[in-house]
Amino acid sequence: MSIDEIFLSQIRSIGDLAGVFEFDGETGYFYLYEMANPEGKKIIGSIRVLAGMPDFEEEDVMICWDKTETRVGLHIRGQLWAAFDANVRAAYGGNYHARSRAEIPLQIAAYFQSTGKPN
């Protein structure tokens, strides 16, 4: 599989913050963006998700906000791999490896599992 790049985003409904996943052909990061900041200063948080070629396609990646829109998560193949708490700017997870699990506190992961699927 050869993927040149992936870029996905999900903006919070009030339009102020976004969760953004970017793979540039070498590394993949999940970012928390402040939409009102000027270009070059939008990234307010980052989590390294992977280095090297991914074993997934763009359609395997989803970004979603929890029901309260205070946390945004990156799901790969339906599993939560990275998350931000937008209120306190805390970052969780990253370091994707196939056939393993992300290190995200259970109380954070629970916000995305309340309905049995990502929101």
N, C-alpha and C. Protein backbone atom coordinates (compact mmCIF):
# COMPACT_ATOMS: atom_id res chain seq x y z
N MET A 1 0.84 -1.16 0.00
CA MET A 1 0.00 0.00 0.00
C MET A 1 0.89 1.24 0.00
N SER A 2 0.59 2.16 -0.87
CA SER A 2 1.36 3.39 -0.94
C SER A 2 0.40 4.57 -0.88
N ILE A 3 0.47 5.31 0.20
CA ILE A 3 -0.39 6.47 0.40
C ILE A 3 0.50 7.70 0.45
N ASP A 4 0.21 8.66 -0.43
CA ASP A 4 1.00 9.88 -0.44
C ASP A 4 0.65 10.80 0.72
N GLU A 5 -0.66 10.97 0.96
CA GLU A 5 -1.07 11.83 2.06
C GLU A 5 -2.53 11.61 2.40
N ILE A 6 -2.87 11.95 3.64
CA ILE A 6 -4.24 11.93 4.12
C ILE A 6 -4.45 13.22 4.89
N PHE A 7 -5.57 13.87 4.68
CA PHE A 7 -5.92 15.07 5.44
C PHE A 7 -7.41 15.03 5.70
N LEU A 8 -7.78 14.93 6.98
CA LEU A 8 -9.19 14.91 7.38
C LEU A 8 -9.37 15.88 8.54
N SER A 9 -10.55 16.48 8.63
CA SER A 9 -10.83 17.37 9.76
C SER A 9 -12.29 17.30 10.13
N GLN A 10 -12.56 17.69 11.37
CA GLN A 10 -13.93 17.80 11.87
C GLN A 10 -13.99 19.03 12.76
N ILE A 11 -14.78 20.01 12.33
CA ILE A 11 -14.92 21.26 13.07
C ILE A 11 -16.06 21.14 14.07
N ARG A 12 -15.83 21.63 15.28
CA ARG A 12 -16.88 21.65 16.30
C ARG A 12 -18.04 22.51 15.78
N SER A 13 -19.28 22.19 16.18
CA SER A 13 -20.47 22.84 15.62
C SER A 13 -20.47 24.36 15.76
N ILE A 14 -19.82 24.90 16.80
CA ILE A 14 -19.79 26.37 16.93
C ILE A 14 -18.66 27.00 16.11
N GLY A 15 -17.85 26.17 15.46
CA GLY A 15 -16.87 26.66 14.50
C GLY A 15 -15.57 27.17 15.06
N ASP A 16 -15.32 26.98 16.35
CA ASP A 16 -14.11 27.55 16.94
C ASP A 16 -12.90 26.61 16.93
N LEU A 17 -13.13 25.30 17.08
CA LEU A 17 -12.04 24.32 17.15
C LEU A 17 -12.27 23.21 16.14
N ALA A 18 -11.17 22.55 15.78
CA ALA A 18 -11.27 21.40 14.88
C ALA A 18 -10.26 20.34 15.28
N GLY A 19 -10.63 19.10 15.07
CA GLY A 19 -9.69 17.99 15.14
C GLY A 19 -9.23 17.72 13.73
N VAL A 20 -7.93 17.59 13.52
CA VAL A 20 -7.37 17.43 12.17
C VAL A 20 -6.36 16.30 12.19
N PHE A 21 -6.50 15.37 11.23
CA PHE A 21 -5.49 14.33 11.05
C PHE A 21 -4.77 14.61 9.74
N GLU A 22 -3.43 14.57 9.80
CA GLU A 22 -2.63 14.80 8.61
C GLU A 22 -1.51 13.76 8.53
N PHE A 23 -1.47 13.05 7.41
CA PHE A 23 -0.35 12.16 7.10
C PHE A 23 0.30 12.73 5.85
N ASP A 24 1.59 13.06 5.93
CA ASP A 24 2.28 13.74 4.84
C ASP A 24 3.14 12.83 3.97
N GLY A 25 2.96 11.53 4.11
CA GLY A 25 3.77 10.58 3.35
C GLY A 25 4.87 9.96 4.20
N GLU A 26 5.15 10.58 5.35
CA GLU A 26 6.19 10.08 6.26
C GLU A 26 5.70 9.93 7.68
N THR A 27 4.96 10.91 8.18
CA THR A 27 4.44 10.85 9.54
C THR A 27 2.98 11.30 9.58
N GLY A 28 2.27 10.84 10.60
CA GLY A 28 0.88 11.23 10.78
C GLY A 28 0.69 11.85 12.15
N TYR A 29 0.00 12.97 12.18
CA TYR A 29 -0.28 13.68 13.42
C TYR A 29 -1.77 13.99 13.52
N PHE A 30 -2.25 14.00 14.77
CA PHE A 30 -3.59 14.47 15.07
C PHE A 30 -3.42 15.81 15.77
N TYR A 31 -4.10 16.83 15.25
CA TYR A 31 -3.95 18.19 15.77
C TYR A 31 -5.26 18.71 16.35
N LEU A 32 -5.14 19.59 17.31
CA LEU A 32 -6.25 20.41 17.76
C LEU A 32 -5.99 21.80 17.19
N TYR A 33 -6.93 22.28 16.38
CA TYR A 33 -6.80 23.57 15.70
C TYR A 33 -7.71 24.60 16.35
N GLU A 34 -7.20 25.82 16.48
CA GLU A 34 -8.01 26.99 16.87
C GLU A 34 -8.32 27.72 15.58
N MET A 35 -9.55 27.63 15.12
CA MET A 35 -9.93 28.12 13.80
C MET A 35 -9.73 29.63 13.62
N ALA A 36 -9.87 30.41 14.69
CA ALA A 36 -9.75 31.87 14.58
C ALA A 36 -8.31 32.35 14.54
N ASN A 37 -7.37 31.51 14.90
CA ASN A 37 -5.97 31.93 14.88
C ASN A 37 -5.49 32.15 13.45
N PRO A 38 -4.50 33.01 13.26
CA PRO A 38 -3.98 33.26 11.91
C PRO A 38 -3.26 32.03 11.36
N GLU A 39 -3.14 31.96 10.06
CA GLU A 39 -2.41 30.85 9.41
C GLU A 39 -1.03 30.73 10.04
N GLY A 40 -0.60 29.50 10.23
CA GLY A 40 0.68 29.24 10.85
C GLY A 40 0.64 29.19 12.36
N LYS A 41 -0.51 29.57 12.95
CA LYS A 41 -0.65 29.56 14.41
C LYS A 41 -1.93 28.86 14.85
N LYS A 42 -2.53 28.10 13.96
CA LYS A 42 -3.79 27.42 14.27
C LYS A 42 -3.60 26.20 15.16
N ILE A 43 -2.47 25.52 15.08
CA ILE A 43 -2.26 24.30 15.85
C ILE A 43 -2.00 24.65 17.31
N ILE A 44 -2.88 24.16 18.19
CA ILE A 44 -2.71 24.42 19.63
C ILE A 44 -2.43 23.14 20.40
N GLY A 45 -2.42 22.01 19.71
CA GLY A 45 -2.08 20.74 20.32
C GLY A 45 -1.76 19.72 19.24
N SER A 46 -0.83 18.79 19.54
CA SER A 46 -0.50 17.77 18.55
C SER A 46 -0.19 16.44 19.23
N ILE A 47 -0.52 15.37 18.53
CA ILE A 47 -0.24 14.02 18.97
C ILE A 47 0.35 13.27 17.78
N ARG A 48 1.55 12.70 17.95
CA ARG A 48 2.12 11.88 16.87
C ARG A 48 1.38 10.55 16.85
N VAL A 49 0.80 10.26 15.70
CA VAL A 49 0.02 9.03 15.55
C VAL A 49 0.87 7.91 14.97
N LEU A 50 1.65 8.20 13.93
CA LEU A 50 2.49 7.18 13.34
C LEU A 50 3.65 7.76 12.58
N ALA A 51 4.68 6.94 12.42
CA ALA A 51 5.83 7.25 11.56
C ALA A 51 5.95 6.10 10.57
N GLY A 52 6.20 6.42 9.32
CA GLY A 52 6.26 5.40 8.29
C GLY A 52 4.91 5.25 7.61
N MET A 53 4.85 4.29 6.70
CA MET A 53 3.63 4.09 5.92
C MET A 53 2.54 3.43 6.77
N PRO A 54 1.32 3.95 6.68
CA PRO A 54 0.22 3.35 7.44
C PRO A 54 -0.24 2.05 6.78
N ASP A 55 -0.88 1.21 7.58
CA ASP A 55 -1.47 -0.01 7.05
C ASP A 55 -2.98 0.17 6.90
N PHE A 56 -3.42 1.43 6.82
CA PHE A 56 -4.84 1.75 6.67
C PHE A 56 -5.01 2.78 5.56
N GLU A 57 -6.24 2.89 5.09
CA GLU A 57 -6.61 3.84 4.03
C GLU A 57 -7.35 5.03 4.66
N GLU A 58 -7.51 6.07 3.88
CA GLU A 58 -8.23 7.26 4.37
C GLU A 58 -9.63 6.91 4.86
N GLU A 59 -10.31 6.00 4.18
CA GLU A 59 -11.67 5.65 4.60
C GLU A 59 -11.71 4.88 5.92
N ASP A 60 -10.56 4.44 6.43
CA ASP A 60 -10.48 3.77 7.74
C ASP A 60 -10.34 4.76 8.89
N VAL A 61 -10.22 6.05 8.57
CA VAL A 61 -9.96 7.09 9.58
C VAL A 61 -11.21 7.95 9.74
N MET A 62 -11.54 8.24 11.01
CA MET A 62 -12.68 9.09 11.31
C MET A 62 -12.33 10.00 12.49
N ILE A 63 -12.77 11.23 12.41
CA ILE A 63 -12.62 12.19 13.50
C ILE A 63 -14.01 12.54 13.99
N CYS A 64 -14.21 12.53 15.30
CA CYS A 64 -15.52 12.91 15.81
C CYS A 64 -15.39 13.60 17.17
N TRP A 65 -16.35 14.45 17.44
CA TRP A 65 -16.49 15.11 18.73
C TRP A 65 -17.42 14.28 19.59
N ASP A 66 -17.21 14.28 20.92
CA ASP A 66 -18.13 13.57 21.80
C ASP A 66 -19.44 14.37 21.86
N LYS A 67 -20.44 13.84 22.57
CA LYS A 67 -21.77 14.47 22.62
C LYS A 67 -21.75 15.89 23.16
N THR A 68 -20.85 16.17 24.09
CA THR A 68 -20.78 17.52 24.68
C THR A 68 -19.88 18.46 23.88
N GLU A 69 -19.23 17.91 22.86
CA GLU A 69 -18.29 18.66 22.03
C GLU A 69 -17.17 19.31 22.84
N THR A 70 -16.72 18.61 23.87
CA THR A 70 -15.57 19.08 24.64
C THR A 70 -14.35 18.21 24.38
N ARG A 71 -14.55 17.06 23.74
CA ARG A 71 -13.45 16.16 23.40
C ARG A 71 -13.57 15.74 21.96
N VAL A 72 -12.43 15.68 21.29
CA VAL A 72 -12.42 15.24 19.89
C VAL A 72 -11.48 14.04 19.78
N GLY A 73 -11.90 13.05 19.02
CA GLY A 73 -11.12 11.82 18.92
C GLY A 73 -10.82 11.40 17.49
N LEU A 74 -9.71 10.71 17.35
CA LEU A 74 -9.29 10.13 16.07
C LEU A 74 -9.47 8.63 16.17
N HIS A 75 -10.29 8.08 15.28
CA HIS A 75 -10.54 6.65 15.23
C HIS A 75 -9.90 6.07 13.97
N ILE A 76 -9.21 4.96 14.14
CA ILE A 76 -8.65 4.21 13.01
C ILE A 76 -9.26 2.83 13.07
N ARG A 77 -9.95 2.47 11.99
CA ARG A 77 -10.67 1.19 11.93
C ARG A 77 -11.59 1.00 13.13
N GLY A 78 -12.26 2.07 13.52
CA GLY A 78 -13.24 2.02 14.59
C GLY A 78 -12.69 2.08 16.00
N GLN A 79 -11.38 2.12 16.14
CA GLN A 79 -10.77 2.18 17.47
C GLN A 79 -10.22 3.57 17.73
N LEU A 80 -10.48 4.08 18.94
CA LEU A 80 -9.98 5.39 19.33
C LEU A 80 -8.47 5.32 19.53
N TRP A 81 -7.70 6.15 18.78
CA TRP A 81 -6.24 6.14 18.86
C TRP A 81 -5.65 7.41 19.43
N ALA A 82 -6.39 8.50 19.37
CA ALA A 82 -5.89 9.77 19.91
C ALA A 82 -7.10 10.64 20.25
N ALA A 83 -6.93 11.48 21.28
CA ALA A 83 -8.03 12.37 21.69
C ALA A 83 -7.48 13.61 22.36
N PHE A 84 -8.25 14.68 22.24
CA PHE A 84 -7.96 15.93 22.95
C PHE A 84 -9.16 16.28 23.81
N ASP A 85 -8.89 16.78 25.01
CA ASP A 85 -9.91 17.42 25.82
C ASP A 85 -9.75 18.91 25.54
N ALA A 86 -10.70 19.48 24.84
CA ALA A 86 -10.58 20.87 24.39
C ALA A 86 -10.66 21.87 25.54
N ASN A 87 -11.32 21.50 26.64
CA ASN A 87 -11.43 22.43 27.76
C ASN A 87 -10.10 22.67 28.45
N VAL A 88 -9.32 21.61 28.63
CA VAL A 88 -8.05 21.74 29.36
C VAL A 88 -6.84 21.56 28.46
N ARG A 89 -7.11 21.35 27.16
CA ARG A 89 -6.06 21.17 26.15
C ARG A 89 -5.16 19.96 26.44
N ALA A 90 -5.74 18.93 27.05
CA ALA A 90 -4.99 17.70 27.33
C ALA A 90 -5.01 16.79 26.11
N ALA A 91 -3.91 16.09 25.88
CA ALA A 91 -3.77 15.18 24.74
C ALA A 91 -3.58 13.75 25.26
N TYR A 92 -4.19 12.80 24.55
CA TYR A 92 -4.13 11.39 24.94
C TYR A 92 -3.87 10.51 23.72
N GLY A 93 -3.14 9.43 23.92
CA GLY A 93 -2.98 8.41 22.88
C GLY A 93 -1.88 8.70 21.90
N GLY A 94 -2.06 8.18 20.70
CA GLY A 94 -1.05 8.27 19.65
C GLY A 94 -0.28 6.97 19.54
N ASN A 95 0.82 7.00 18.81
CA ASN A 95 1.70 5.83 18.62
C ASN A 95 0.96 4.61 18.10
N TYR A 96 0.27 4.80 16.98
CA TYR A 96 -0.49 3.72 16.35
C TYR A 96 0.42 2.57 15.94
N HIS A 97 -0.01 1.36 16.26
CA HIS A 97 0.60 0.12 15.80
C HIS A 97 -0.53 -0.86 15.54
N ALA A 98 -0.52 -1.47 14.37
CA ALA A 98 -1.55 -2.47 14.04
C ALA A 98 -1.55 -3.56 15.10
N ARG A 99 -2.72 -4.08 15.36
CA ARG A 99 -2.92 -5.18 16.31
C ARG A 99 -2.50 -4.83 17.74
N SER A 100 -2.57 -3.56 18.10
CA SER A 100 -2.32 -3.14 19.48
C SER A 100 -3.42 -2.19 19.90
N ARG A 101 -3.31 -1.62 21.08
CA ARG A 101 -4.32 -0.71 21.60
C ARG A 101 -3.67 0.61 22.00
N ALA A 102 -4.44 1.66 21.86
CA ALA A 102 -3.96 2.98 22.25
C ALA A 102 -3.95 3.11 23.76
N GLU A 103 -3.07 3.93 24.26
CA GLU A 103 -3.00 4.20 25.69
C GLU A 103 -3.78 5.48 25.99
N ILE A 104 -5.08 5.31 26.11
CA ILE A 104 -5.98 6.42 26.41
C ILE A 104 -6.71 6.06 27.70
N PRO A 105 -6.74 6.95 28.68
CA PRO A 105 -7.44 6.65 29.93
C PRO A 105 -8.89 6.21 29.67
N LEU A 106 -9.35 5.23 30.41
CA LEU A 106 -10.70 4.70 30.22
C LEU A 106 -11.77 5.77 30.35
N GLN A 107 -11.57 6.73 31.26
CA GLN A 107 -12.59 7.77 31.44
C GLN A 107 -12.69 8.68 30.22
N ILE A 108 -11.60 8.84 29.48
CA ILE A 108 -11.64 9.64 28.24
C ILE A 108 -12.27 8.81 27.13
N ALA A 109 -11.84 7.56 26.97
CA ALA A 109 -12.39 6.69 25.93
C ALA A 109 -13.90 6.51 26.11
N ALA A 110 -14.38 6.50 27.35
CA ALA A 110 -15.81 6.30 27.62
C ALA A 110 -16.68 7.38 27.00
N TYR A 111 -16.18 8.59 26.86
CA TYR A 111 -16.97 9.66 26.25
C TYR A 111 -17.31 9.35 24.80
N PHE A 112 -16.51 8.53 24.15
CA PHE A 112 -16.75 8.19 22.74
C PHE A 112 -17.48 6.87 22.58
N GLN A 113 -17.72 6.15 23.68
CA GLN A 113 -18.36 4.84 23.61
C GLN A 113 -19.77 4.83 24.18
N SER A 114 -20.28 5.94 24.59
CA SER A 114 -21.57 5.97 25.28
C SER A 114 -22.70 5.44 24.43
N THR A 115 -22.60 5.54 23.12
CA THR A 115 -23.64 5.03 22.25
C THR A 115 -23.21 3.74 21.56
N GLY A 116 -22.02 3.25 21.89
CA GLY A 116 -21.54 2.03 21.27
C GLY A 116 -20.81 2.26 19.96
N LYS A 117 -20.78 3.50 19.50
CA LYS A 117 -20.05 3.84 18.27
C LYS A 117 -19.60 5.28 18.40
N PRO A 118 -18.61 5.69 17.62
CA PRO A 118 -18.17 7.10 17.68
C PRO A 118 -19.31 8.03 17.32
N ASN A 119 -19.37 9.17 17.97
CA ASN A 119 -20.41 10.16 17.69
C ASN A 119 -20.05 11.00 16.50
